[in-house]
């Protein structure tokens, strides 16, 4: 399975979970399990893409061409 196919599958699963969460919010129901599933799917996608939390935050800070005078 290629990287693109894997990410496409994860994105489809995320869309399904998001729809479930939306329905539960509208009905006023709890969506704890779906939120956990959503979090795990996002983690899988980020790990596969090689993006960590800290690289998102600090990556732009250290790679920018700022000149301090």
C-alpha atoms as a PDB file:
ATOM      1  CA  UNK A   1       0.000   0.000   0.000  1.00  0.00           C
ATOM      2  CA  UNK A   2       1.409   3.376  -0.947  1.00  0.00           C
ATOM      3  CA  UNK A   3       1.661   6.373   1.347  1.00  0.00           C
ATOM      4  CA  UNK A   4      -1.050   8.206  -0.561  1.00  0.00           C
ATOM      5  CA  UNK A   5      -3.463   5.275  -0.316  1.00  0.00           C
ATOM      6  CA  UNK A   6      -2.851   4.913   3.420  1.00  0.00           C
ATOM      7  CA  UNK A   7      -3.441   8.610   4.066  1.00  0.00           C
ATOM      8  CA  UNK A   8      -6.569   8.541   1.904  1.00  0.00           C
ATOM      9  CA  UNK A   9      -7.985   5.677   3.990  1.00  0.00           C
ATOM     10  CA  UNK A  10      -7.207   7.524   7.212  1.00  0.00           C
ATOM     11  CA  UNK A  11      -8.868  10.672   5.886  1.00  0.00           C
ATOM     12  CA  UNK A  12     -12.009   8.723   4.950  1.00  0.00           C
ATOM     13  CA  UNK A  13     -12.127   7.230   8.445  1.00  0.00           C
ATOM     14  CA  UNK A  14     -11.683  10.697   9.947  1.00  0.00           C
ATOM     15  CA  UNK A  15     -14.608  11.985   7.904  1.00  0.00           C
ATOM     16  CA  UNK A  16     -16.795   9.113   9.116  1.00  0.00           C
ATOM     17  CA  UNK A  17     -15.873   9.753  12.744  1.00  0.00           C
ATOM     18  CA  UNK A  18     -16.467  13.484  12.308  1.00  0.00           C
ATOM     19  CA  UNK A  19     -19.967  12.788  10.979  1.00  0.00           C
ATOM     20  CA  UNK A  20     -20.700  10.543  13.969  1.00  0.00           C
ATOM     21  CA  UNK A  21     -19.463  13.248  16.341  1.00  0.00           C
ATOM     22  CA  UNK A  22     -21.578  15.902  14.609  1.00  0.00           C
ATOM     23  CA  UNK A  23     -24.721  13.782  14.909  1.00  0.00           C
ATOM     24  CA  UNK A  24     -24.071  13.109  18.577  1.00  0.00           C
ATOM     25  CA  UNK A  25     -23.472  16.798  19.274  1.00  0.00           C
ATOM     26  CA  UNK A  26     -26.769  17.686  17.597  1.00  0.00           C
ATOM     27  CA  UNK A  27     -28.592  15.033  19.635  1.00  0.00           C
ATOM     28  CA  UNK A  28     -26.874  16.153  22.839  1.00  0.00           C
ATOM     29  CA  UNK A  29     -25.208  12.782  23.365  1.00  0.00           C
ATOM     30  CA  UNK A  30     -21.731  12.082  24.673  1.00  0.00           C
ATOM     31  CA  UNK A  31     -19.082  11.345  22.058  1.00  0.00           C
ATOM     32  CA  UNK A  32     -16.124  10.293  24.189  1.00  0.00           C
ATOM     33  CA  UNK A  33     -15.355   7.102  22.230  1.00  0.00           C
ATOM     34  CA  UNK A  34     -15.538   8.875  18.903  1.00  0.00           C
ATOM     35  CA  UNK A  35     -13.267  11.653  20.151  1.00  0.00           C
ATOM     36  CA  UNK A  36     -10.702   9.061  21.221  1.00  0.00           C
ATOM     37  CA  UNK A  37     -10.925   7.341  17.834  1.00  0.00           C
ATOM     38  CA  UNK A  38     -10.506  10.711  16.096  1.00  0.00           C
ATOM     39  CA  UNK A  39      -7.427  11.466  18.166  1.00  0.00           C
ATOM     40  CA  UNK A  40      -5.860   8.094  17.350  1.00  0.00           C
ATOM     41  CA  UNK A  41      -6.500   8.498  13.628  1.00  0.00           C
ATOM     42  CA  UNK A  42      -4.899  11.947  13.658  1.00  0.00           C
ATOM     43  CA  UNK A  43      -1.902  10.536  15.500  1.00  0.00           C
ATOM     44  CA  UNK A  44      -1.533   7.783  12.877  1.00  0.00           C
ATOM     45  CA  UNK A  45      -1.667  10.302  10.049  1.00  0.00           C
ATOM     46  CA  UNK A  46       0.895  12.577  11.688  1.00  0.00           C
ATOM     47  CA  UNK A  47       3.269   9.710  12.497  1.00  0.00           C
ATOM     48  CA  UNK A  48       3.071   8.435   8.953  1.00  0.00           C
ATOM     49  CA  UNK A  49       3.762  11.904   7.575  1.00  0.00           C
ATOM     50  CA  UNK A  50       6.651  12.374   9.998  1.00  0.00           C
ATOM     51  CA  UNK A  51       5.225  15.473  11.648  1.00  0.00           C
ATOM     52  CA  UNK A  52       5.500  15.709  15.382  1.00  0.00           C
ATOM     53  CA  UNK A  53       3.916  18.237  17.679  1.00  0.00           C
ATOM     54  CA  UNK A  54       7.219  19.999  18.372  1.00  0.00           C
ATOM     55  CA  UNK A  55       8.288  20.117  14.747  1.00  0.00           C
ATOM     56  CA  UNK A  56       5.053  21.931  13.921  1.00  0.00           C
ATOM     57  CA  UNK A  57       5.572  24.501  16.652  1.00  0.00           C
ATOM     58  CA  UNK A  58       9.313  25.040  16.513  1.00  0.00           C
ATOM     59  CA  UNK A  59      10.011  24.086  12.911  1.00  0.00           C
ATOM     60  CA  UNK A  60       8.945  27.417  11.480  1.00  0.00           C
ATOM     61  CA  UNK A  61      10.658  29.337  14.249  1.00  0.00           C
ATOM     62  CA  UNK A  62      14.119  27.933  13.594  1.00  0.00           C
ATOM     63  CA  UNK A  63      13.884  27.652   9.836  1.00  0.00           C
ATOM     64  CA  UNK A  64      12.804  31.228   9.187  1.00  0.00           C
ATOM     65  CA  UNK A  65      15.290  33.749   7.876  1.00  0.00           C
ATOM     66  CA  UNK A  66      15.054  36.289  10.655  1.00  0.00           C
ATOM     67  CA  UNK A  67      17.932  38.660  11.138  1.00  0.00           C
ATOM     68  CA  UNK A  68      18.420  39.986  14.621  1.00  0.00           C
ATOM     69  CA  UNK A  69      19.998  43.432  14.736  1.00  0.00           C
END
